[in-house]
Amino acid sequence: MKPSILSHGRLTWIVTTAILTVITAMTMFGPLSDVRWEQPNVLFSVIVVSAAACVLGATIVAALADRREMAEAGLLGAALMGASVMPLVHGLVTPGVLYDDTSAFRAAAFLSLPVAVAVAAPLLRPHSGFGSWAARHWRDWTLLSMMGVFILASVVVFLPDAIAAPGAHQPLTIAVTFGLVVALGSMSLRQLRLFEIGQRPANLIASISLVLLAVTAFLPMSDAAYSPGFWWLHVSGSVGVIGACVGMIVSKRMSHTAQDVLAPVLARDPLAMFELGLSPIVHQFIASIDEKDTITRDHVIRTAELAVRVGERFRLPARSLRDLGLSAILHDLGKVNVPDEVLNKPDRLTEAEFDVIKLHTVDGEEMLLAEPTLASCAPFVRSHHERMDGGGYPDGLVGVEIPLPSRIIAVCDAFDAMTHDRHFRKGMPMGMALAVLHEHAGSQWDPAVIDQLIAVLPTMPMMATLDDVGRNSDHIDATAMPDDVRELLQDVDAEI
């Protein structure tokens, strides 16, 4: 079977954007710009019906986000609501139908996309302090935003001459238009990146839909009412909102088992990093560890979340970030072959039992190589227990011979194992775990990865109160740890 055009996301995006740009230029500035089709009643009907459909779609997105604890979907759904309510007002105040010629018609068109982008502001800077806050309190942000949108809409409807938009060719209009194009283009490229990570067509649909919304940003610059460009910009906006809603709704569909396991990650993550196009083997693994060992399940989920955030600090490209995320969540895939009496043993493992545990890296690699869509992750799973000094397993790789994703997983894996309770002991304090990483940096773990781990910890919502996490760890002497902690450290490598 030949690959679908959807598999060539970037090319599809570029071609579609070029076509939309040409259509916009021809209808606004070409010979067609002088044509007029003045039909206020038709315009009223088209805008009101399409905007109402957009409001419904945005509501579904918001409801789905609320039910499944998805921060990004909630924020984008609220933005799409803002991009739907103001166009609905724009349609209701169409001159010559319910209202006379007032400033409300142009004001609603001018305010529509700025309002939507303001609501979506956390998505434009997800790593900023405000973006992190909004990701944790997205329900509060969307509620406040929607209250503001409906208040503004009410002012325009009931006081139609209260707000006057600037003229089509004034500097403010031009500046706002191009600012909106940049902002919506950034959001579109983000959806394109998610498509490249997860290969989910719905993300590509959402990406192209946001380009259509960016086209609509030129509406305030059009002073030729009822021209082909005027009609085209209205249609492109409606199609853009509806398409973005459909894309978001479809992209959030996931099996109940995977959703239940991944929900804590999705709720905390403004980047929705696990939109990874999960294959059946991933769902099977999640279901298997969920039934077999909840401690291992929770461990791999946390490790994967942390690893992807560290990978972003290294500016890994989309495809590599996808492989890192999947490798991290599947790094213990081979443990499904480990006997329960060894995996869940409440005491320290014997040397023979540890040898059995070691086989999980090779077993995991073999299982992934058998799945074509996951084969690229196999080397990273195999090497996640290698050490910088060559003392790891299964191949004794040294330094940069170990793939960077494996080095990232190794650090995140060990950090999580040390700081969380296991079957037969309590987790150590976070500062002590970081001190252990520092003590063995360069011998067991990559120092650069440790530095990036420390950099991302304060941005993790579950660690939001630990702003001093990096500072405190430098002052803990790992050699002065009590004996029980030193014994715990000897067991960590067997556990992870």
Protein backbone atom coordinates (compact mmCIF):
# COMPACT_ATOMS: atom_id res chain seq x y z
CA MET A 1 0.00 0.00 0.00
CA LYS A 2 1.32 3.44 -0.89
CA PRO A 3 1.66 5.81 2.04
CA SER A 4 -1.20 8.26 2.43
CA ILE A 5 -0.56 11.94 1.87
CA LEU A 6 -1.27 12.30 5.58
CA SER A 7 2.04 10.55 6.25
CA HIS A 8 3.78 13.51 4.60
CA GLY A 9 2.49 16.04 7.11
CA ARG A 10 4.97 18.82 6.53
CA LEU A 11 4.58 18.72 2.75
CA THR A 12 0.79 18.60 3.08
CA TRP A 13 0.89 21.58 5.43
CA ILE A 14 3.14 23.61 3.11
CA VAL A 15 1.07 22.89 0.00
CA THR A 16 -2.22 23.63 1.76
CA THR A 17 -0.89 26.86 3.22
CA ALA A 18 0.36 27.96 -0.21
CA ILE A 19 -3.04 27.23 -1.81
CA LEU A 20 -4.91 29.13 0.90
CA THR A 21 -2.53 32.07 0.52
CA VAL A 22 -3.09 32.20 -3.24
CA ILE A 23 -6.90 32.04 -2.85
CA THR A 24 -6.81 34.83 -0.27
CA ALA A 25 -4.61 37.05 -2.44
CA MET A 26 -6.76 36.48 -5.55
CA THR A 27 -10.04 37.22 -3.80
CA MET A 28 -8.81 40.23 -1.83
CA PHE A 29 -6.41 41.92 -4.23
CA GLY A 30 -6.93 40.36 -7.67
CA PRO A 31 -9.49 41.20 -10.35
CA LEU A 32 -12.20 39.41 -8.34
CA SER A 33 -11.90 42.00 -5.57
CA ASP A 34 -14.16 44.42 -7.47
CA VAL A 35 -17.08 41.97 -7.66
CA ARG A 36 -19.90 42.40 -5.15
CA TRP A 37 -22.64 39.96 -4.03
CA GLU A 38 -24.57 41.91 -1.43
CA GLN A 39 -26.87 39.49 0.37
CA PRO A 40 -27.22 40.49 4.05
CA ASN A 41 -29.80 37.80 4.79
CA VAL A 42 -27.60 35.08 3.31
CA LEU A 43 -24.60 36.39 5.24
CA PHE A 44 -26.67 36.47 8.44
CA SER A 45 -27.82 32.87 7.96
CA VAL A 46 -24.41 31.53 6.98
CA ILE A 47 -22.57 33.17 9.87
CA VAL A 48 -25.15 32.42 12.56
CA VAL A 49 -25.56 28.77 11.58
CA SER A 50 -21.84 28.10 11.13
CA ALA A 51 -20.89 30.02 14.29
CA ALA A 52 -23.50 28.10 16.29
CA ALA A 53 -22.00 24.85 14.97
CA CYS A 54 -18.57 26.12 16.04
CA VAL A 55 -19.87 26.90 19.54
CA LEU A 56 -21.24 23.36 19.75
CA GLY A 57 -17.93 21.87 18.58
CA ALA A 58 -15.92 23.95 21.05
CA THR A 59 -18.28 22.90 23.83
CA ILE A 60 -17.71 19.23 23.00
CA VAL A 61 -13.94 19.76 23.07
CA ALA A 62 -14.17 21.49 26.45
CA ALA A 63 -16.45 18.78 27.86
CA LEU A 64 -14.13 16.03 26.65
CA ALA A 65 -11.16 17.83 28.17
CA ASP A 66 -12.95 18.15 31.49
CA ARG A 67 -13.97 14.48 31.52
CA ARG A 68 -10.53 13.18 30.58
CA GLU A 69 -8.43 15.70 32.49
CA MET A 70 -6.66 17.09 29.41
CA ALA A 71 -5.25 20.55 30.03
CA GLU A 72 -4.27 21.41 26.47
CA ALA A 73 -7.59 20.30 25.02
CA GLY A 74 -9.39 22.43 27.59
CA LEU A 75 -7.32 25.51 26.80
CA LEU A 76 -7.68 25.07 23.06
CA GLY A 77 -11.40 24.35 23.41
CA ALA A 78 -11.82 27.61 25.32
CA ALA A 79 -9.89 29.46 22.62
CA LEU A 80 -12.09 27.93 19.93
CA MET A 81 -15.13 28.99 21.93
CA GLY A 82 -13.81 32.54 21.88
CA ALA A 83 -13.30 32.25 18.13
CA SER A 84 -16.95 31.11 17.82
CA VAL A 85 -18.88 33.42 20.16
CA MET A 86 -17.63 36.68 18.66
CA PRO A 87 -18.36 35.53 15.06
CA LEU A 88 -21.84 34.58 16.26
CA VAL A 89 -22.23 38.15 17.49
CA HIS A 90 -20.78 39.37 14.18
CA GLY A 91 -23.54 37.48 12.35
CA LEU A 92 -26.33 38.63 14.66
CA VAL A 93 -25.49 42.30 14.13
CA THR A 94 -25.28 42.03 10.31
CA PRO A 95 -26.51 45.41 9.02
CA GLY A 96 -29.93 45.30 7.41
CA VAL A 97 -31.27 42.21 9.21
CA LEU A 98 -31.81 42.59 12.96
CA TYR A 99 -29.65 45.68 13.35
CA ASP A 100 -29.06 48.87 11.43
CA ASP A 101 -25.58 49.84 10.28
CA THR A 102 -23.65 50.02 13.61
CA SER A 103 -20.02 49.78 14.62
CA ALA A 104 -20.77 46.39 16.23
CA PHE A 105 -20.49 44.50 12.93
CA ARG A 106 -16.88 45.50 12.36
CA ALA A 107 -15.99 45.49 16.06
CA ALA A 108 -17.07 41.85 16.49
CA ALA A 109 -15.00 40.82 13.47
CA PHE A 110 -11.97 42.75 14.73
CA LEU A 111 -12.18 41.31 18.27
CA SER A 112 -12.88 37.67 17.37
CA LEU A 113 -9.37 36.29 16.87
CA PRO A 114 -7.56 38.56 19.39
CA VAL A 115 -9.97 37.24 22.03
CA ALA A 116 -9.31 33.63 20.98
CA VAL A 117 -5.54 34.10 21.01
CA ALA A 118 -5.69 35.78 24.41
CA VAL A 119 -7.56 32.77 25.80
CA ALA A 120 -4.98 30.44 24.19
CA ALA A 121 -2.02 32.45 25.53
CA PRO A 122 -0.79 29.60 27.81
CA LEU A 123 -0.38 27.39 24.73
CA LEU A 124 1.90 29.93 23.09
CA ARG A 125 4.35 29.87 26.03
CA PRO A 126 3.80 26.47 27.67
CA HIS A 127 7.16 26.49 29.48
CA SER A 128 6.74 29.96 30.98
CA GLY A 129 5.64 30.49 34.56
CA PHE A 130 2.21 31.56 33.36
CA GLY A 131 1.98 28.59 30.99
CA SER A 132 2.83 26.16 33.79
CA TRP A 133 0.32 27.81 36.11
CA ALA A 134 -2.43 27.69 33.48
CA ALA A 135 -1.66 24.02 32.79
CA ARG A 136 -2.24 23.20 36.46
CA HIS A 137 -5.24 25.50 36.86
CA TRP A 138 -6.64 25.30 33.36
CA ARG A 139 -10.24 25.00 34.52
CA ASP A 140 -9.94 28.27 36.44
CA TRP A 141 -8.30 29.97 33.46
CA THR A 142 -10.89 28.77 30.96
CA LEU A 143 -13.77 29.73 33.26
CA LEU A 144 -12.42 33.25 33.77
CA SER A 145 -11.68 33.56 30.06
CA MET A 146 -15.15 32.46 29.03
CA MET A 147 -16.73 34.89 31.49
CA GLY A 148 -14.72 37.66 29.88
CA VAL A 149 -15.69 36.55 26.37
CA PHE A 150 -19.42 36.48 27.14
CA ILE A 151 -19.27 39.83 28.91
CA LEU A 152 -17.55 41.36 25.90
CA ALA A 153 -20.04 39.72 23.53
CA SER A 154 -22.92 41.11 25.58
CA VAL A 155 -21.49 44.61 25.42
CA VAL A 156 -21.22 44.42 21.61
CA VAL A 157 -24.77 43.04 21.26
CA PHE A 158 -26.58 45.36 23.66
CA LEU A 159 -24.41 48.44 23.13
CA PRO A 160 -23.70 48.12 19.39
CA ASP A 161 -21.97 51.51 19.10
CA ALA A 162 -19.95 51.26 22.32
CA ILE A 163 -16.83 49.78 20.69
CA ALA A 164 -15.40 51.14 17.45
CA ALA A 165 -12.80 49.08 15.61
CA PRO A 166 -9.95 50.84 13.78
CA GLY A 167 -10.13 51.27 10.02
CA ALA A 168 -9.00 48.66 7.52
CA HIS A 169 -5.69 50.32 6.71
CA GLN A 170 -4.78 51.85 10.04
CA PRO A 171 -1.47 50.79 11.64
CA LEU A 172 -3.20 49.13 14.60
CA THR A 173 -5.29 46.93 12.31
CA ILE A 174 -2.24 45.91 10.31
CA ALA A 175 -0.19 45.20 13.45
CA VAL A 176 -2.95 43.16 15.06
CA THR A 177 -3.51 41.19 11.85
CA PHE A 178 0.08 40.14 11.45
CA GLY A 179 0.42 39.45 15.18
CA LEU A 180 -2.54 37.08 14.91
CA VAL A 181 -1.06 35.37 11.87
CA VAL A 182 2.16 34.72 13.82
CA ALA A 183 0.31 33.46 16.91
CA LEU A 184 -2.06 31.19 15.00
CA GLY A 185 0.79 30.01 12.80
CA SER A 186 2.70 29.04 15.94
CA MET A 187 -0.27 27.06 17.24
CA SER A 188 -0.66 25.43 13.82
CA LEU A 189 2.99 24.37 13.78
CA ARG A 190 2.56 22.93 17.26
CA GLN A 191 -0.25 20.69 16.01
CA LEU A 192 1.94 19.77 13.04
CA ARG A 193 4.70 18.80 15.47
CA LEU A 194 2.26 16.64 17.41
CA PHE A 195 1.34 14.97 14.12
CA GLU A 196 5.00 14.27 13.40
CA ILE A 197 5.40 12.84 16.92
CA GLY A 198 2.28 10.73 16.99
CA GLN A 199 1.32 10.26 13.32
CA ARG A 200 -2.30 11.02 14.21
CA PRO A 201 -4.16 12.51 11.19
CA ALA A 202 -6.43 14.44 13.55
CA ASN A 203 -3.48 16.61 14.60
CA LEU A 204 -2.75 17.42 10.94
CA ILE A 205 -6.42 18.36 10.47
CA ALA A 206 -6.22 20.65 13.49
CA SER A 207 -2.98 22.16 12.17
CA ILE A 208 -4.46 23.02 8.77
CA SER A 209 -7.63 24.31 10.44
CA LEU A 210 -5.55 26.77 12.42
CA VAL A 211 -4.03 27.97 9.14
CA LEU A 212 -7.59 28.67 7.95
CA LEU A 213 -8.14 30.71 11.10
CA ALA A 214 -4.92 32.61 10.38
CA VAL A 215 -6.34 33.46 6.95
CA THR A 216 -9.45 34.88 8.66
CA ALA A 217 -7.20 37.30 10.53
CA PHE A 218 -7.13 39.42 7.35
CA LEU A 219 -10.87 40.16 7.58
CA PRO A 220 -10.43 43.49 9.47
CA MET A 221 -8.12 44.64 6.65
CA SER A 222 -10.89 44.18 4.10
CA ASP A 223 -12.97 47.30 3.47
CA ALA A 224 -14.87 45.76 0.53
CA ALA A 225 -18.01 44.28 2.09
CA TYR A 226 -19.62 41.41 0.18
CA SER A 227 -16.63 41.00 -2.14
CA PRO A 228 -15.33 37.48 -2.91
CA GLY A 229 -12.55 38.06 -0.39
CA PHE A 230 -15.09 39.11 2.24
CA TRP A 231 -17.12 35.92 1.70
CA TRP A 232 -14.01 33.72 1.52
CA LEU A 233 -12.63 35.00 4.83
CA HIS A 234 -15.93 34.28 6.57
CA VAL A 235 -16.10 30.76 5.17
CA SER A 236 -12.46 29.98 5.98
CA GLY A 237 -12.98 31.05 9.59
CA SER A 238 -16.00 28.80 10.06
CA VAL A 239 -14.30 25.82 8.42
CA GLY A 240 -11.18 26.48 10.48
CA VAL A 241 -12.97 26.41 13.83
CA ILE A 242 -15.06 23.36 12.96
CA GLY A 243 -12.03 21.53 11.59
CA ALA A 244 -9.95 22.33 14.67
CA CYS A 245 -12.77 21.08 16.91
CA VAL A 246 -13.10 17.85 14.94
CA GLY A 247 -9.35 17.34 14.99
CA MET A 248 -9.14 17.88 18.74
CA ILE A 249 -12.10 15.59 19.45
CA VAL A 250 -10.75 12.76 17.31
CA SER A 251 -7.17 13.14 18.55
CA LYS A 252 -8.27 12.65 22.15
CA ARG A 253 -9.90 9.28 21.56
CA MET A 254 -8.03 6.55 23.39
CA SER A 255 -8.79 3.15 24.84
CA HIS A 256 -10.13 3.21 28.39
CA THR A 257 -7.22 1.18 29.75
CA ALA A 258 -4.57 3.47 28.30
CA GLN A 259 -6.55 6.56 29.25
CA ASP A 260 -6.95 5.46 32.86
CA VAL A 261 -3.22 4.82 33.18
CA LEU A 262 -2.08 7.93 31.34
CA ALA A 263 -4.64 10.33 32.82
CA PRO A 264 -2.33 11.61 35.59
CA VAL A 265 0.32 12.44 32.99
CA LEU A 266 -2.11 14.09 30.61
CA ALA A 267 -3.60 16.17 33.40
CA ARG A 268 -0.22 17.53 34.43
CA ASP A 269 1.29 18.08 31.02
CA PRO A 270 0.54 21.24 29.00
CA LEU A 271 2.29 19.68 26.02
CA ALA A 272 0.01 16.63 25.89
CA MET A 273 3.19 14.70 25.27
CA PHE A 274 1.55 11.31 25.13
CA GLU A 275 -0.37 12.07 21.96
CA LEU A 276 1.96 9.47 20.52
CA GLY A 277 -0.28 7.43 18.30
CA LEU A 278 -0.11 4.52 20.73
CA SER A 279 0.08 1.20 18.91
CA PRO A 280 -1.71 -1.95 20.11
CA ILE A 281 1.46 -3.32 21.70
CA VAL A 282 1.66 -0.24 23.92
CA HIS A 283 -1.94 -0.64 25.01
CA GLN A 284 -1.26 -4.32 25.66
CA PHE A 285 1.81 -3.55 27.76
CA ILE A 286 -0.04 -0.93 29.79
CA ALA A 287 -2.90 -3.35 30.42
CA SER A 288 -0.43 -6.12 31.31
CA ILE A 289 1.56 -4.15 33.87
CA ASP A 290 -1.63 -2.58 35.21
CA GLU A 291 -2.85 -6.08 36.04
CA LYS A 292 0.49 -7.59 37.01
CA ASP A 293 2.28 -4.88 38.96
CA THR A 294 0.89 -1.39 39.66
CA ILE A 295 4.19 -0.19 41.13
CA THR A 296 5.99 -0.89 37.85
CA ARG A 297 3.10 0.68 35.92
CA ASP A 298 3.27 3.94 37.87
CA HIS A 299 7.06 3.94 37.66
CA VAL A 300 7.19 3.74 33.86
CA ILE A 301 4.53 6.43 33.49
CA ARG A 302 6.43 8.87 35.69
CA THR A 303 9.74 7.99 34.05
CA ALA A 304 8.28 8.61 30.61
CA GLU A 305 6.85 11.99 31.58
CA LEU A 306 10.16 13.10 33.04
CA ALA A 307 12.21 11.72 30.13
CA VAL A 308 10.19 13.62 27.51
CA ARG A 309 10.59 16.86 29.41
CA VAL A 310 14.34 16.29 29.64
CA GLY A 311 14.40 15.39 25.93
CA GLU A 312 12.80 18.72 25.11
CA ARG A 313 15.58 20.44 27.04
CA PHE A 314 17.99 18.78 24.62
CA ARG A 315 15.84 20.12 21.72
CA LEU A 316 15.32 16.70 20.22
CA PRO A 317 13.42 16.77 16.92
CA ALA A 318 9.82 15.58 16.86
CA ARG A 319 10.51 12.05 15.66
CA SER A 320 13.31 11.56 18.20
CA LEU A 321 11.10 12.92 20.96
CA ARG A 322 8.42 10.43 19.97
CA ASP A 323 10.91 7.57 20.13
CA LEU A 324 12.17 8.80 23.50
CA GLY A 325 8.64 8.96 24.92
CA LEU A 326 7.73 5.51 23.71
CA SER A 327 11.08 4.04 24.75
CA ALA A 328 10.71 5.50 28.21
CA ILE A 329 7.23 4.15 28.74
CA LEU A 330 8.31 0.78 27.31
CA HIS A 331 11.74 0.58 28.89
CA ASP A 332 10.57 -2.17 31.26
CA LEU A 333 8.57 -4.00 28.60
CA GLY A 334 10.80 -7.06 29.00
CA LYS A 335 9.74 -7.40 32.64
CA VAL A 336 6.48 -8.98 31.53
CA ASN A 337 8.64 -12.12 31.05
CA VAL A 338 10.08 -11.94 34.58
CA PRO A 339 8.43 -14.41 37.00
CA ASP A 340 6.19 -12.75 39.57
CA GLU A 341 8.12 -14.30 42.45
CA VAL A 342 11.25 -12.47 41.26
CA LEU A 343 9.62 -9.21 40.18
CA ASN A 344 7.62 -8.82 43.40
CA LYS A 345 10.10 -10.40 45.80
CA PRO A 346 9.88 -8.55 49.15
CA ASP A 347 13.57 -9.13 49.94
CA ARG A 348 16.88 -8.37 48.24
CA LEU A 349 17.46 -10.34 45.04
CA THR A 350 20.07 -13.06 44.86
CA GLU A 351 22.73 -12.90 42.18
CA ALA A 352 20.87 -15.50 40.10
CA GLU A 353 17.62 -13.56 40.41
CA PHE A 354 19.39 -10.38 39.41
CA ASP A 355 20.66 -12.17 36.29
CA VAL A 356 17.04 -12.97 35.45
CA ILE A 357 16.10 -9.30 35.89
CA LYS A 358 18.93 -8.26 33.58
CA LEU A 359 17.35 -10.18 30.71
CA HIS A 360 14.51 -7.66 30.52
CA THR A 361 16.60 -5.26 28.41
CA VAL A 362 17.24 -7.83 25.68
CA ASP A 363 13.72 -9.24 25.91
CA GLY A 364 12.29 -5.74 25.55
CA GLU A 365 14.42 -5.10 22.49
CA GLU A 366 13.28 -8.33 20.83
CA MET A 367 9.61 -7.54 21.50
CA LEU A 368 9.94 -4.07 19.98
CA LEU A 369 11.84 -5.30 16.92
CA ALA A 370 8.88 -7.56 16.21
CA GLU A 371 6.62 -4.47 16.01
CA PRO A 372 7.54 -2.40 12.89
CA THR A 373 6.09 0.84 14.25
CA LEU A 374 8.21 0.53 17.41
CA ALA A 375 11.43 -0.95 16.03
CA SER A 376 13.20 2.42 16.19
CA CYS A 377 12.77 2.36 19.97
CA ALA A 378 14.40 -1.05 20.41
CA PRO A 379 18.06 0.12 20.74
CA PHE A 380 17.11 2.63 23.44
CA VAL A 381 15.27 0.04 25.50
CA ARG A 382 18.21 -2.37 25.15
CA SER A 383 20.74 0.20 26.38
CA HIS A 384 18.90 1.94 29.21
CA HIS A 385 21.01 0.07 31.83
CA GLU A 386 24.38 0.88 30.27
CA ARG A 387 26.81 2.97 32.36
CA MET A 388 29.08 5.81 31.26
CA ASP A 389 32.13 3.91 32.57
CA GLY A 390 31.25 0.75 30.64
CA GLY A 391 30.11 -1.22 33.67
CA GLY A 392 26.47 -1.54 32.60
CA TYR A 393 24.58 -4.23 30.71
CA PRO A 394 23.95 -5.91 28.34
CA ASP A 395 26.76 -4.63 26.05
CA GLY A 396 29.15 -2.69 28.27
CA LEU A 397 28.89 0.47 26.15
CA VAL A 398 31.02 3.46 27.21
CA GLY A 399 30.15 7.19 27.20
CA VAL A 400 28.63 8.51 24.00
CA GLU A 401 28.48 4.96 22.62
CA ILE A 402 25.28 4.85 24.67
CA PRO A 403 22.44 6.51 22.71
CA LEU A 404 21.31 9.81 24.20
CA PRO A 405 17.71 8.59 24.70
CA SER A 406 19.07 5.65 26.71
CA ARG A 407 21.16 7.99 28.83
CA ILE A 408 18.10 10.16 29.47
CA ILE A 409 15.97 7.16 30.41
CA ALA A 410 18.70 5.83 32.71
CA VAL A 411 18.81 9.03 34.76
CA CYS A 412 15.02 9.50 34.91
CA ASP A 413 14.55 5.79 35.66
CA ALA A 414 17.00 5.83 38.57
CA PHE A 415 15.71 9.12 39.98
CA ASP A 416 12.13 7.90 40.04
CA ALA A 417 13.10 4.52 41.50
CA MET A 418 15.06 6.16 44.30
CA THR A 419 12.38 8.70 45.24
CA HIS A 420 9.34 6.39 45.31
CA ASP A 421 8.32 3.50 47.52
CA ARG A 422 9.01 -0.02 46.26
CA HIS A 423 7.87 -3.43 47.39
CA PHE A 424 10.22 -3.70 50.35
CA ARG A 425 11.41 -0.19 51.21
CA LYS A 426 10.51 3.48 51.32
CA GLY A 427 11.75 6.01 48.81
CA MET A 428 14.55 8.35 49.80
CA PRO A 429 14.20 12.16 49.98
CA MET A 430 14.51 13.93 46.65
CA GLY A 431 17.56 15.92 47.68
CA MET A 432 19.37 12.74 48.66
CA ALA A 433 18.48 11.10 45.33
CA LEU A 434 19.91 14.09 43.48
CA ALA A 435 23.05 13.86 45.57
CA VAL A 436 23.42 10.23 44.52
CA LEU A 437 23.09 11.23 40.88
CA HIS A 438 25.76 13.90 41.36
CA GLU A 439 28.08 11.47 43.14
CA HIS A 440 27.91 8.99 40.26
CA ALA A 441 27.81 11.52 37.43
CA GLY A 442 30.35 10.54 34.80
CA SER A 443 30.70 6.99 36.05
CA GLN A 444 27.15 5.65 36.04
CA TRP A 445 25.11 8.51 34.58
CA ASP A 446 25.63 11.30 32.04
CA PRO A 447 26.33 14.60 33.86
CA ALA A 448 24.64 16.64 31.10
CA VAL A 449 21.45 14.65 31.49
CA ILE A 450 21.52 15.13 35.27
CA ASP A 451 21.86 18.89 34.79
CA GLN A 452 18.81 18.94 32.50
CA LEU A 453 16.85 16.77 34.92
CA ILE A 454 17.51 19.25 37.71
CA ALA A 455 16.48 22.08 35.39
CA VAL A 456 13.08 20.56 34.64
CA LEU A 457 12.16 19.39 38.15
CA PRO A 458 10.89 22.79 39.38
CA THR A 459 8.61 23.00 36.32
CA MET A 460 6.96 19.68 37.10
CA PRO A 461 3.55 20.43 38.65
CA MET A 462 3.93 17.64 41.20
CA MET A 463 7.19 19.29 42.31
CA ALA A 464 6.04 22.89 42.04
CA THR A 465 6.91 23.62 45.67
CA LEU A 466 10.47 22.32 45.31
CA ASP A 467 12.03 25.45 43.79
CA ASP A 468 15.21 24.81 45.77
CA VAL A 469 15.54 21.25 44.50
CA GLY A 470 18.78 21.87 42.63
CA ARG A 471 20.38 24.00 45.32
CA ASN A 472 19.73 21.63 48.22
CA SER A 473 21.09 18.58 46.43
CA ASP A 474 24.56 20.06 46.19
CA HIS A 475 24.90 20.17 49.96
CA ILE A 476 24.11 16.55 50.77
CA ASP A 477 27.07 14.27 51.37
CA ALA A 478 26.22 10.89 49.86
CA THR A 479 29.15 9.31 51.70
CA ALA A 480 27.56 10.28 55.04
CA MET A 481 24.30 8.47 54.40
CA PRO A 482 23.06 6.03 57.03
CA ASP A 483 23.71 2.34 56.44
CA ASP A 484 20.11 1.50 55.54
CA VAL A 485 20.13 4.13 52.81
CA ARG A 486 23.46 2.88 51.48
CA GLU A 487 21.95 -0.63 51.29
CA LEU A 488 18.93 0.83 49.51
CA LEU A 489 21.21 2.30 46.86
CA GLN A 490 22.71 -1.13 46.21
CA ASP A 491 19.22 -2.40 45.37
CA VAL A 492 18.19 0.39 43.04
CA ASP A 493 20.00 -0.97 40.02
CA ALA A 494 18.24 -4.30 40.47
CA GLU A 495 14.85 -2.59 40.67
CA ILE A 496 15.09 -0.28 37.67
